[in-house]
Amino acid sequence: MLRKKGLKTNDKHIKKLAAIVGPKEILFHKEDLISYESDGFTIHSHMPKAVVFPKNTEEVAEVVKYCADNDLSFLARGAGTGLSGGAIPLNGEVIISLVKMKRLLSVDLENRRAVVEPGYVNLKLTNSISDKGYYYAPDPSSQYCCTIGGNVAENAGGAHCLKYGVTTNHILGLEVVSPTGEIMEIGHDGIPDAPGYDLLGILTGSEGTLGIVTKITVRILKNPEEKQTVLAYFDDVADGSQAVSDIVSAGIVPAALEMMDKIAIEGVESAAFPVGHPKDIEALLLIEVDGISAGIDEQINEILDVCKKRNVRSVKVAQDDDERANWWANRKTGFGAMGAISPDYLVQDGVIPRSTLPEVLKRIGDISKESGLRIANIFHAGDGNLHPLILFDSRIPGQTDKALEAGSACLQACADAGGSITGEHGVGIEKREEMRFVFSDKEIEAQTDIREVFNPHYLLNAGKLFPSPGRCAEVKNELKAEAAE
């Protein structure tokens, strides 16, 4: 990780930061910083001033205090898997990497909770407690490498959030370092609807703009008695989309209800975990139900009946855990699989009402034709969380801009349908201006006022989440003038 030439620098800030975390726990040479100039949103990149690797909360607090006292911009970073640019150092920040804070601190099976450090990898938690009959529900596609601290920052979801909810539904407590370096404990030992402000709710999904999470208490769940998985193939995307609504309308709440279209299927079948999906199929549904054993077969039969009524070409139930695992491995590689069929791709993340799936997917198809770029669709159909993947080649002049414009148009389509511009990937820098699709200037101003309470000097992860100044600043002045009157 660190260069052998050692700590040779005249920069007083680098020297002081090295004194806090140790000379072997800091990067500051340009060639060492290249890996940190972007996250999973690679269209933009900016070089940080330095990267430090604290080993505990106290070191994080000391680094933050030093940065705050010396007017140095800073931000926290986990595994760098975020897809909206939330960890990109726009202002030459000191990056506080939390990857060395990666311990599972405690497990309390009686009260169904665990405490982890922010650098603890999502899937490791389930793997650590599965032999005891428990698991951690939030399961983003990157769960094999993303960190729970990053999941908290982005309020990550995953395939099973339809039934079990997103990250915020599983957070019971947080230890947080404020932007001025104070260490705070937030939460009430899992007491629901505790009195006072919902600080857990505010911090979860705040994209690293209000504080740095250094310890997380999460809810863990008992493994369901049984689970069964269905794979259904459709010759028409509209039939598959309508089947999604029909399943939920029938009173069935699947643990997961995923959809992929023809281009997405082409990608996953060209990548690491092909399972033999038909090449000419237009759409597939991957449906999972779980719970107590009694009643599971009835739910499966209802799902099969719904699919047949919607002109399914073929539908089958996984015969064993291995087949089920292969289907899910194929689906979970969906984003990365686009690299097998396109030099570059841009992942979008919008939310719509389930009932509008056919019309929004048609609009995305129109956007594809208008832009001249292929768009694959892989998404959590059950809760209307779409992931259009715009395929492009950055080596062709103008194609990157076309991809960004197409992505924005997809988000506009989601907003026009009564949805939102993000379900789990966050806003970061990618969708700042698109915040105006769903919020008025006054609503955005109210949110930035909350940020200023936590982050008054705007040194922590500046330039993220909210649109550039302009009308919002004018509205803020108007509100202040009204208050003065």
Protein backbone atom coordinates (compact mmCIF):
# COMPACT_ATOMS: atom_id res chain seq x y z
CA MET A 1 0.00 0.00 0.00
CA LEU A 2 2.67 2.51 1.06
CA ARG A 3 5.70 3.60 -0.88
CA LYS A 4 9.13 2.55 0.40
CA LYS A 5 10.52 6.06 0.06
CA GLY A 6 8.75 6.85 3.35
CA LEU A 7 7.41 10.10 4.74
CA LYS A 8 9.49 12.58 2.73
CA THR A 9 7.46 15.76 2.49
CA ASN A 10 7.57 19.40 3.49
CA ASP A 11 3.78 19.58 3.78
CA LYS A 12 3.01 20.33 7.42
CA HIS A 13 -0.50 18.93 7.13
CA ILE A 14 0.75 15.59 5.82
CA LYS A 15 3.25 15.42 8.68
CA LYS A 16 0.59 16.14 11.28
CA LEU A 17 -1.88 13.63 9.84
CA ALA A 18 0.88 11.02 9.74
CA ALA A 19 1.59 11.73 13.39
CA ILE A 20 -2.06 10.96 14.21
CA VAL A 21 -2.49 7.69 12.28
CA GLY A 22 1.13 6.60 11.95
CA PRO A 23 3.58 7.11 9.05
CA LYS A 24 2.60 3.78 7.49
CA GLU A 25 -1.08 4.69 7.43
CA ILE A 26 -1.06 7.62 5.03
CA LEU A 27 -0.79 8.00 1.25
CA PHE A 28 0.12 11.31 -0.34
CA HIS A 29 2.21 10.65 -3.46
CA LYS A 30 0.29 11.18 -6.70
CA GLU A 31 0.89 7.68 -8.01
CA ASP A 32 -0.52 6.23 -4.76
CA LEU A 33 -3.62 8.43 -4.87
CA ILE A 34 -4.82 7.50 -8.35
CA SER A 35 -6.94 4.63 -6.99
CA TYR A 36 -8.88 7.10 -4.87
CA GLU A 37 -9.74 9.71 -7.51
CA SER A 38 -13.15 8.10 -8.17
CA ASP A 39 -15.53 5.50 -6.80
CA GLY A 40 -17.91 3.28 -8.80
CA PHE A 41 -19.02 6.37 -10.73
CA THR A 42 -15.96 6.56 -12.96
CA ILE A 43 -17.12 9.24 -15.38
CA HIS A 44 -15.68 11.89 -13.03
CA SER A 45 -12.40 11.82 -11.13
CA HIS A 46 -10.53 14.20 -8.83
CA MET A 47 -7.30 13.70 -6.91
CA PRO A 48 -7.37 13.81 -3.09
CA LYS A 49 -4.79 15.62 -1.01
CA ALA A 50 -4.06 12.47 1.00
CA VAL A 51 -5.62 9.22 2.21
CA VAL A 52 -5.37 8.26 5.87
CA PHE A 53 -6.22 4.88 7.41
CA PRO A 54 -7.35 5.31 11.02
CA LYS A 55 -7.63 2.18 13.11
CA ASN A 56 -10.25 3.33 15.63
CA THR A 57 -12.83 5.99 16.43
CA GLU A 58 -10.39 8.13 18.40
CA GLU A 59 -8.02 8.42 15.44
CA VAL A 60 -10.94 9.34 13.16
CA ALA A 61 -11.94 12.07 15.62
CA GLU A 62 -8.37 13.41 15.81
CA VAL A 63 -8.05 13.54 12.03
CA VAL A 64 -11.40 15.33 11.73
CA LYS A 65 -10.48 17.84 14.44
CA TYR A 66 -7.22 18.62 12.71
CA CYS A 67 -8.92 19.08 9.33
CA ALA A 68 -11.65 21.26 10.85
CA ASP A 69 -9.15 23.43 12.75
CA ASN A 70 -7.02 23.91 9.65
CA ASP A 71 -9.78 24.47 7.08
CA LEU A 72 -9.00 21.22 5.21
CA SER A 73 -11.82 19.55 3.30
CA PHE A 74 -12.29 15.87 4.12
CA LEU A 75 -14.56 12.91 3.46
CA ALA A 76 -15.01 9.31 4.54
CA ARG A 77 -14.65 6.37 2.17
CA GLY A 78 -15.43 2.67 2.50
CA ALA A 79 -14.91 0.15 -0.28
CA GLY A 80 -15.47 2.72 -3.04
CA THR A 81 -18.32 0.73 -4.61
CA GLY A 82 -20.77 3.66 -4.57
CA LEU A 83 -22.33 4.40 -7.96
CA SER A 84 -23.16 8.10 -7.69
CA GLY A 85 -19.79 9.72 -6.98
CA GLY A 86 -20.36 10.24 -3.26
CA ALA A 87 -16.73 9.42 -2.39
CA ILE A 88 -15.07 11.43 -5.18
CA PRO A 89 -12.80 14.13 -3.66
CA LEU A 90 -14.11 17.14 -5.60
CA ASN A 91 -12.18 19.63 -3.47
CA GLY A 92 -8.87 17.85 -3.00
CA GLU A 93 -10.09 16.35 0.27
CA VAL A 94 -8.23 14.36 2.83
CA ILE A 95 -9.89 10.95 2.43
CA ILE A 96 -10.50 9.14 5.69
CA SER A 97 -10.53 5.50 4.60
CA LEU A 98 -12.35 3.25 7.05
CA VAL A 99 -11.25 -0.07 5.55
CA LYS A 100 -9.03 -0.93 8.53
CA MET A 101 -11.95 -0.54 10.93
CA LYS A 102 -13.39 -3.90 9.89
CA ARG A 103 -14.21 -5.86 13.02
CA LEU A 104 -17.37 -7.64 14.07
CA LEU A 105 -17.47 -6.30 17.63
CA SER A 106 -20.33 -8.30 19.13
CA VAL A 107 -23.31 -10.52 18.36
CA ASP A 108 -26.37 -10.64 20.62
CA LEU A 109 -28.58 -13.47 19.36
CA GLU A 110 -31.07 -13.13 22.21
CA ASN A 111 -31.87 -9.53 21.20
CA ARG A 112 -31.13 -10.15 17.53
CA ARG A 113 -28.49 -7.49 17.02
CA ALA A 114 -24.85 -7.19 16.09
CA VAL A 115 -22.30 -4.39 16.33
CA VAL A 116 -19.81 -3.84 13.52
CA GLU A 117 -17.23 -1.30 12.50
CA PRO A 118 -17.90 0.64 9.26
CA GLY A 119 -15.34 -1.22 7.17
CA TYR A 120 -16.99 -4.59 7.85
CA VAL A 121 -18.09 -6.17 4.56
CA ASN A 122 -21.83 -6.69 4.21
CA LEU A 123 -21.84 -10.38 3.26
CA LYS A 124 -19.35 -11.28 5.99
CA LEU A 125 -21.98 -10.55 8.61
CA THR A 126 -24.40 -13.12 7.23
CA ASN A 127 -21.55 -15.60 6.74
CA SER A 128 -20.46 -15.06 10.35
CA ILE A 129 -23.85 -15.84 11.87
CA SER A 130 -25.46 -18.22 9.35
CA ASP A 131 -24.30 -21.32 11.27
CA LYS A 132 -26.30 -20.02 14.23
CA GLY A 133 -29.43 -19.67 12.11
CA TYR A 134 -29.32 -15.89 11.53
CA TYR A 135 -28.61 -13.46 8.70
CA TYR A 136 -28.40 -9.76 7.84
CA ALA A 137 -31.18 -8.79 5.41
CA PRO A 138 -29.92 -5.84 3.29
CA ASP A 139 -28.24 -7.42 0.27
CA PRO A 140 -27.03 -4.98 -2.41
CA SER A 141 -25.54 -6.62 -5.50
CA SER A 142 -22.09 -5.56 -4.31
CA GLN A 143 -22.59 -7.22 -0.90
CA TYR A 144 -19.52 -9.42 -1.35
CA CYS A 145 -17.31 -6.31 -1.20
CA CYS A 146 -19.32 -3.24 -0.08
CA THR A 147 -19.08 -2.17 3.55
CA ILE A 148 -21.87 -1.69 6.06
CA GLY A 149 -20.61 1.83 6.76
CA GLY A 150 -21.05 2.66 3.09
CA ASN A 151 -24.49 1.01 3.15
CA VAL A 152 -25.50 3.34 5.97
CA ALA A 153 -24.25 6.39 4.06
CA GLU A 154 -26.26 5.51 0.94
CA ASN A 155 -29.18 3.73 2.65
CA ALA A 156 -28.44 0.77 0.40
CA GLY A 157 -31.18 -1.65 -0.59
CA GLY A 158 -30.90 -4.90 -2.49
CA ALA A 159 -33.00 -7.62 -4.04
CA HIS A 160 -34.77 -8.57 -0.81
CA CYS A 161 -35.74 -5.06 0.28
CA LEU A 162 -39.26 -5.57 -1.11
CA LYS A 163 -40.17 -7.62 1.96
CA TYR A 164 -37.48 -6.70 4.46
CA GLY A 165 -36.76 -3.05 3.78
CA VAL A 166 -33.57 -1.12 3.09
CA THR A 167 -30.64 -0.36 5.39
CA THR A 168 -32.47 2.21 7.51
CA ASN A 169 -34.95 -0.49 8.58
CA HIS A 170 -32.10 -2.49 10.12
CA ILE A 171 -30.07 0.19 11.92
CA LEU A 172 -30.53 0.33 15.69
CA GLY A 173 -27.69 2.59 16.74
CA LEU A 174 -24.69 4.52 15.44
CA GLU A 175 -21.46 5.92 16.79
CA VAL A 176 -20.67 9.03 14.75
CA VAL A 177 -17.82 11.52 14.58
CA SER A 178 -19.24 14.96 13.91
CA PRO A 179 -17.65 17.32 11.33
CA THR A 180 -15.95 19.11 14.23
CA GLY A 181 -14.50 15.92 15.71
CA GLU A 182 -16.93 15.14 18.53
CA ILE A 183 -17.87 11.52 19.15
CA MET A 184 -21.63 10.95 19.46
CA GLU A 185 -23.73 7.90 20.34
CA ILE A 186 -27.08 7.84 18.52
CA GLY A 187 -29.87 5.36 19.09
CA HIS A 188 -31.92 3.89 21.90
CA ASP A 189 -30.91 0.24 22.00
CA GLY A 190 -33.40 -0.64 19.33
CA ILE A 191 -36.46 0.88 21.03
CA PRO A 192 -38.96 1.61 18.24
CA ASP A 193 -40.35 5.13 17.98
CA ALA A 194 -38.21 6.41 20.83
CA PRO A 195 -38.95 10.03 21.84
CA GLY A 196 -36.98 12.85 20.27
CA TYR A 197 -35.64 13.57 16.82
CA ASP A 198 -35.09 10.65 14.45
CA LEU A 199 -31.34 11.19 14.14
CA LEU A 200 -30.79 7.63 12.92
CA GLY A 201 -33.18 8.34 10.08
CA ILE A 202 -31.48 11.61 9.21
CA LEU A 203 -27.96 10.17 9.23
CA THR A 204 -28.79 6.96 7.35
CA GLY A 205 -28.76 7.93 3.70
CA SER A 206 -27.18 11.36 4.26
CA GLU A 207 -24.32 10.29 1.95
CA GLY A 208 -21.49 11.18 4.29
CA THR A 209 -22.42 14.87 4.52
CA LEU A 210 -23.50 15.03 8.20
CA GLY A 211 -20.94 12.92 10.02
CA ILE A 212 -18.62 9.89 9.84
CA VAL A 213 -20.04 6.63 11.15
CA THR A 214 -17.53 4.64 13.21
CA LYS A 215 -19.71 1.94 14.79
CA ILE A 216 -23.04 0.44 13.74
CA THR A 217 -25.59 -1.60 15.68
CA VAL A 218 -27.68 -3.60 13.21
CA ARG A 219 -30.74 -5.81 13.41
CA ILE A 220 -30.21 -9.46 12.49
CA LEU A 221 -32.97 -11.87 11.52
CA LYS A 222 -33.68 -15.55 12.04
CA ASN A 223 -33.33 -17.61 8.89
CA PRO A 224 -36.73 -18.41 7.36
CA GLU A 225 -37.92 -22.00 7.63
CA GLU A 226 -38.19 -22.32 3.89
CA LYS A 227 -37.60 -20.41 0.69
CA GLN A 228 -38.47 -21.20 -2.91
CA THR A 229 -37.43 -19.42 -6.08
CA VAL A 230 -39.21 -19.14 -9.42
CA LEU A 231 -37.71 -18.23 -12.81
CA ALA A 232 -40.18 -17.08 -15.49
CA TYR A 233 -39.46 -16.20 -19.14
CA PHE A 234 -41.61 -13.80 -21.18
CA ASP A 235 -41.72 -12.97 -24.89
CA ASP A 236 -43.04 -9.49 -24.13
CA VAL A 237 -41.67 -7.04 -21.55
CA ALA A 238 -45.18 -5.68 -21.00
CA ASP A 239 -46.44 -9.16 -20.02
CA GLY A 240 -43.61 -9.54 -17.52
CA SER A 241 -44.25 -6.06 -16.13
CA GLN A 242 -47.95 -6.77 -15.68
CA ALA A 243 -47.16 -10.06 -13.97
CA VAL A 244 -45.22 -8.09 -11.35
CA SER A 245 -48.27 -5.99 -10.49
CA ASP A 246 -50.56 -9.01 -10.57
CA ILE A 247 -48.40 -10.96 -8.09
CA VAL A 248 -48.45 -8.13 -5.55
CA SER A 249 -52.15 -7.43 -6.21
CA ALA A 250 -52.86 -11.07 -5.36
CA GLY A 251 -51.72 -10.36 -1.82
CA ILE A 252 -48.35 -12.09 -2.18
CA VAL A 253 -45.33 -10.25 -0.78
CA PRO A 254 -42.29 -11.99 -2.24
CA ALA A 255 -38.96 -11.68 -0.49
CA ALA A 256 -37.60 -10.61 -3.91
CA LEU A 257 -39.10 -9.88 -7.31
CA GLU A 258 -36.44 -9.07 -9.91
CA MET A 259 -36.66 -8.40 -13.65
CA MET A 260 -34.13 -8.36 -16.49
CA ASP A 261 -34.73 -7.48 -20.14
CA LYS A 262 -33.15 -8.93 -23.27
CA ILE A 263 -30.02 -6.75 -23.29
CA ALA A 264 -29.42 -7.40 -19.59
CA ILE A 265 -29.81 -11.14 -20.18
CA GLU A 266 -27.27 -10.91 -23.00
CA GLY A 267 -24.84 -9.37 -20.54
CA VAL A 268 -25.25 -11.84 -17.67
CA GLU A 269 -25.08 -14.79 -20.04
CA SER A 270 -21.79 -13.43 -21.44
CA ALA A 271 -20.17 -12.98 -18.02
CA ALA A 272 -19.04 -15.12 -15.09
CA PHE A 273 -22.21 -17.02 -14.12
CA PRO A 274 -24.25 -18.02 -17.20
CA VAL A 275 -27.20 -20.28 -16.44
CA GLY A 276 -28.59 -20.88 -19.94
CA HIS A 277 -31.26 -18.20 -20.27
CA PRO A 278 -32.78 -18.32 -23.80
CA LYS A 279 -31.05 -15.83 -26.11
CA ASP A 280 -34.29 -14.74 -27.76
CA ILE A 281 -36.25 -14.05 -24.58
CA GLU A 282 -37.45 -10.47 -24.01
CA ALA A 283 -37.67 -10.51 -20.20
CA LEU A 284 -37.33 -12.72 -17.17
CA LEU A 285 -38.64 -12.55 -13.62
CA LEU A 286 -36.73 -13.99 -10.67
CA ILE A 287 -39.17 -14.40 -7.79
CA GLU A 288 -38.42 -15.64 -4.29
CA VAL A 289 -40.80 -16.33 -1.42
CA ASP A 290 -39.79 -17.27 2.09
CA GLY A 291 -41.23 -17.74 5.56
CA ILE A 292 -42.74 -20.57 7.53
CA SER A 293 -43.11 -23.78 5.53
CA ALA A 294 -46.89 -23.85 5.75
CA GLY A 295 -48.29 -21.80 2.89
CA ILE A 296 -45.15 -21.52 0.76
CA ASP A 297 -46.37 -24.05 -1.80
CA GLU A 298 -49.68 -22.21 -2.12
CA GLN A 299 -47.87 -18.93 -2.81
CA ILE A 300 -45.69 -20.60 -5.44
CA ASN A 301 -48.74 -22.05 -7.17
CA GLU A 302 -50.41 -18.62 -7.22
CA ILE A 303 -47.28 -17.09 -8.76
CA LEU A 304 -47.18 -19.79 -11.42
CA ASP A 305 -50.86 -19.16 -12.23
CA VAL A 306 -50.27 -15.39 -12.55
CA CYS A 307 -47.34 -15.95 -14.91
CA LYS A 308 -49.34 -18.34 -17.07
CA LYS A 309 -52.18 -15.82 -17.34
CA ARG A 310 -49.64 -13.27 -18.58
CA ASN A 311 -48.44 -15.42 -21.49
CA VAL A 312 -45.28 -16.75 -19.87
CA ARG A 313 -43.19 -18.81 -22.29
CA SER A 314 -41.90 -21.07 -19.54
CA VAL A 315 -41.71 -20.99 -15.77
CA LYS A 316 -39.89 -23.24 -13.31
CA VAL A 317 -39.14 -23.59 -9.62
CA ALA A 318 -35.56 -24.13 -8.42
CA GLN A 319 -35.11 -27.79 -7.60
CA ASP A 320 -32.46 -27.33 -4.94
CA ASP A 321 -30.27 -24.75 -3.18
CA ASP A 322 -27.54 -25.06 -5.80
CA GLU A 323 -29.87 -24.15 -8.66
CA ARG A 324 -31.32 -21.28 -6.65
CA ALA A 325 -27.81 -20.01 -5.81
CA ASN A 326 -26.80 -20.15 -9.49
CA TRP A 327 -29.80 -18.07 -10.52
CA TRP A 328 -28.98 -15.46 -7.90
CA ALA A 329 -25.28 -15.41 -8.76
CA ASN A 330 -26.27 -14.74 -12.36
CA ARG A 331 -28.54 -11.86 -11.31
CA LYS A 332 -26.08 -10.33 -8.83
CA THR A 333 -23.41 -9.99 -11.51
CA GLY A 334 -25.82 -7.93 -13.62
CA PHE A 335 -24.07 -4.55 -13.42
CA GLY A 336 -20.53 -5.83 -13.86
CA ALA A 337 -21.70 -8.14 -16.65
CA MET A 338 -22.34 -5.12 -18.86
CA GLY A 339 -18.58 -4.92 -19.28
CA ALA A 340 -18.81 -8.12 -21.34
CA ILE A 341 -20.98 -6.43 -23.98
CA SER A 342 -19.95 -2.75 -23.81
CA PRO A 343 -16.69 -0.83 -23.25
CA ASP A 344 -18.45 1.50 -20.78
CA TYR A 345 -21.79 1.71 -19.01
CA LEU A 346 -23.62 4.14 -16.75
CA VAL A 347 -25.87 2.72 -14.01
CA GLN A 348 -29.00 4.69 -13.18
CA ASP A 349 -31.29 4.26 -10.20
CA GLY A 350 -34.85 5.56 -10.22
CA VAL A 351 -38.07 4.58 -8.49
CA ILE A 352 -41.60 4.39 -9.91
CA PRO A 353 -45.01 3.10 -8.86
CA ARG A 354 -45.28 -0.57 -9.88
CA SER A 355 -48.39 0.15 -11.93
CA THR A 356 -46.41 2.43 -14.27
CA LEU A 357 -43.76 -0.18 -15.17
CA PRO A 358 -44.96 -0.80 -18.76
CA GLU A 359 -45.16 2.88 -19.71
CA VAL A 360 -41.87 3.86 -18.07
CA LEU A 361 -40.01 0.95 -19.67
CA LYS A 362 -41.48 2.03 -23.02
CA ARG A 363 -40.21 5.57 -22.41
CA ILE A 364 -36.75 4.21 -21.58
CA GLY A 365 -36.87 2.31 -24.87
CA ASP A 366 -37.68 5.57 -26.64
CA ILE A 367 -34.77 7.29 -24.88
CA SER A 368 -32.51 4.51 -26.15
CA LYS A 369 -33.64 5.10 -29.72
CA GLU A 370 -33.34 8.90 -29.42
CA SER A 371 -29.81 8.70 -27.99
CA GLY A 372 -28.62 5.90 -30.26
CA LEU A 373 -27.36 4.03 -27.18
CA ARG A 374 -28.45 0.62 -25.99
CA ILE A 375 -30.07 0.59 -22.55
CA ALA A 376 -30.30 -2.59 -20.50
CA ASN A 377 -32.81 -2.87 -17.66
CA ILE A 378 -32.06 -4.82 -14.48
CA PHE A 379 -34.19 -3.89 -11.52
CA HIS A 380 -36.06 -4.63 -8.32
CA ALA A 381 -39.43 -4.83 -10.04
CA GLY A 382 -41.39 -5.59 -6.88
CA ASP A 383 -40.74 -2.19 -5.33
CA GLY A 384 -40.39 -0.28 -8.61
CA ASN A 385 -36.66 0.42 -8.21
CA LEU A 386 -35.34 0.65 -11.79
CA HIS A 387 -31.73 0.34 -12.89
CA PRO A 388 -31.39 1.39 -16.55
CA LEU A 389 -27.81 0.70 -17.67
CA ILE A 390 -26.77 2.99 -20.52
CA LEU A 391 -24.13 1.31 -22.70
CA PHE A 392 -21.60 3.55 -24.45
CA ASP A 393 -18.01 3.89 -25.60
CA SER A 394 -16.11 6.77 -24.00
CA ARG A 395 -13.50 6.56 -26.78
CA ILE A 396 -16.07 7.90 -29.24
CA PRO A 397 -16.30 11.71 -28.94
CA GLY A 398 -19.60 12.84 -27.49
CA GLN A 399 -20.82 9.43 -26.33
CA THR A 400 -20.13 10.08 -22.64
CA ASP A 401 -22.24 13.23 -22.75
CA LYS A 402 -24.97 11.33 -24.61
CA ALA A 403 -24.94 8.67 -21.89
CA LEU A 404 -25.27 11.29 -19.15
CA GLU A 405 -28.13 12.98 -21.00
CA ALA A 406 -29.88 9.64 -21.50
CA GLY A 407 -29.47 8.84 -17.82
CA SER A 408 -30.98 12.17 -16.84
CA ALA A 409 -33.88 11.57 -19.23
CA CYS A 410 -34.53 8.18 -17.58
CA LEU A 411 -34.70 9.88 -14.19
CA GLN A 412 -37.07 12.51 -15.58
CA ALA A 413 -39.31 9.68 -16.79
CA CYS A 414 -39.33 8.21 -13.27
CA ALA A 415 -40.18 11.57 -11.72
CA ASP A 416 -42.92 12.19 -14.30
CA ALA A 417 -44.47 8.83 -13.38
CA GLY A 418 -44.76 9.92 -9.74
CA GLY A 419 -41.51 8.33 -8.60
CA SER A 420 -38.09 9.49 -7.47
CA ILE A 421 -34.55 9.85 -8.79
CA THR A 422 -32.93 7.32 -6.47
CA GLY A 423 -33.89 4.24 -4.55
CA GLU A 424 -30.56 3.05 -3.17
CA HIS A 425 -27.54 4.42 -5.04
CA GLY A 426 -27.82 7.95 -3.70
CA VAL A 427 -27.44 11.33 -5.37
CA GLY A 428 -23.74 12.07 -4.89
CA ILE A 429 -22.51 14.29 -7.70
CA GLU A 430 -24.25 12.33 -10.45
CA LYS A 431 -27.82 13.47 -9.74
CA ARG A 432 -27.42 16.80 -7.94
CA GLU A 433 -29.22 18.81 -10.58
CA GLU A 434 -31.87 16.10 -10.99
CA MET A 435 -32.90 16.78 -7.38
CA ARG A 436 -34.95 19.56 -8.96
CA PHE A 437 -37.08 16.91 -10.71
CA VAL A 438 -38.64 15.97 -7.37
CA PHE A 439 -37.99 18.87 -4.97
CA SER A 440 -38.84 22.56 -5.13
CA ASP A 441 -36.20 25.17 -4.33
CA LYS A 442 -37.70 25.73 -0.89
CA GLU A 443 -37.67 21.99 -0.14
CA ILE A 444 -34.03 21.75 -1.16
CA GLU A 445 -33.27 24.79 0.98
CA ALA A 446 -34.88 23.12 4.01
CA GLN A 447 -32.61 20.10 3.51
CA THR A 448 -29.47 22.20 3.20
CA ASP A 449 -30.46 23.99 6.40
CA ILE A 450 -30.36 20.62 8.17
CA ARG A 451 -26.92 19.97 6.69
CA GLU A 452 -25.68 23.30 8.04
CA VAL A 453 -26.69 22.31 11.58
CA PHE A 454 -24.38 19.28 11.42
CA ASN A 455 -21.76 20.55 8.96
CA PRO A 456 -21.69 24.35 9.42
CA HIS A 457 -18.29 24.97 7.84
CA TYR A 458 -19.09 22.69 4.90
CA LEU A 459 -15.74 20.90 5.06
CA LEU A 460 -17.20 17.37 5.14
CA ASN A 461 -17.94 15.97 1.66
CA ALA A 462 -18.80 19.33 0.14
CA GLY A 463 -20.47 19.56 -3.25
CA LYS A 464 -22.52 16.39 -2.88
CA LEU A 465 -26.23 15.64 -2.81
CA PHE A 466 -27.68 19.12 -3.51
CA PRO A 467 -27.84 21.24 -6.69
CA SER A 468 -25.36 23.98 -7.37
CA PRO A 469 -26.11 27.40 -5.86
CA GLY A 470 -28.44 29.66 -7.75
CA ARG A 471 -32.10 29.99 -7.13
CA CYS A 472 -31.72 28.01 -3.88
CA ALA A 473 -29.43 30.67 -2.46
CA GLU A 474 -31.93 33.34 -3.47
CA VAL A 475 -34.74 31.45 -1.76
CA LYS A 476 -32.67 31.17 1.41
CA ASN A 477 -32.14 34.93 1.48
CA GLU A 478 -35.86 35.45 0.89
CA LEU A 479 -36.72 33.17 3.80
CA LYS A 480 -34.28 34.99 6.07
CA ALA A 481 -35.78 38.32 5.04
CA GLU A 482 -39.29 37.01 5.78
CA ALA A 483 -38.14 35.81 9.20
CA ALA A 484 -36.61 39.20 9.95
CA GLU A 485 -39.90 40.91 9.17
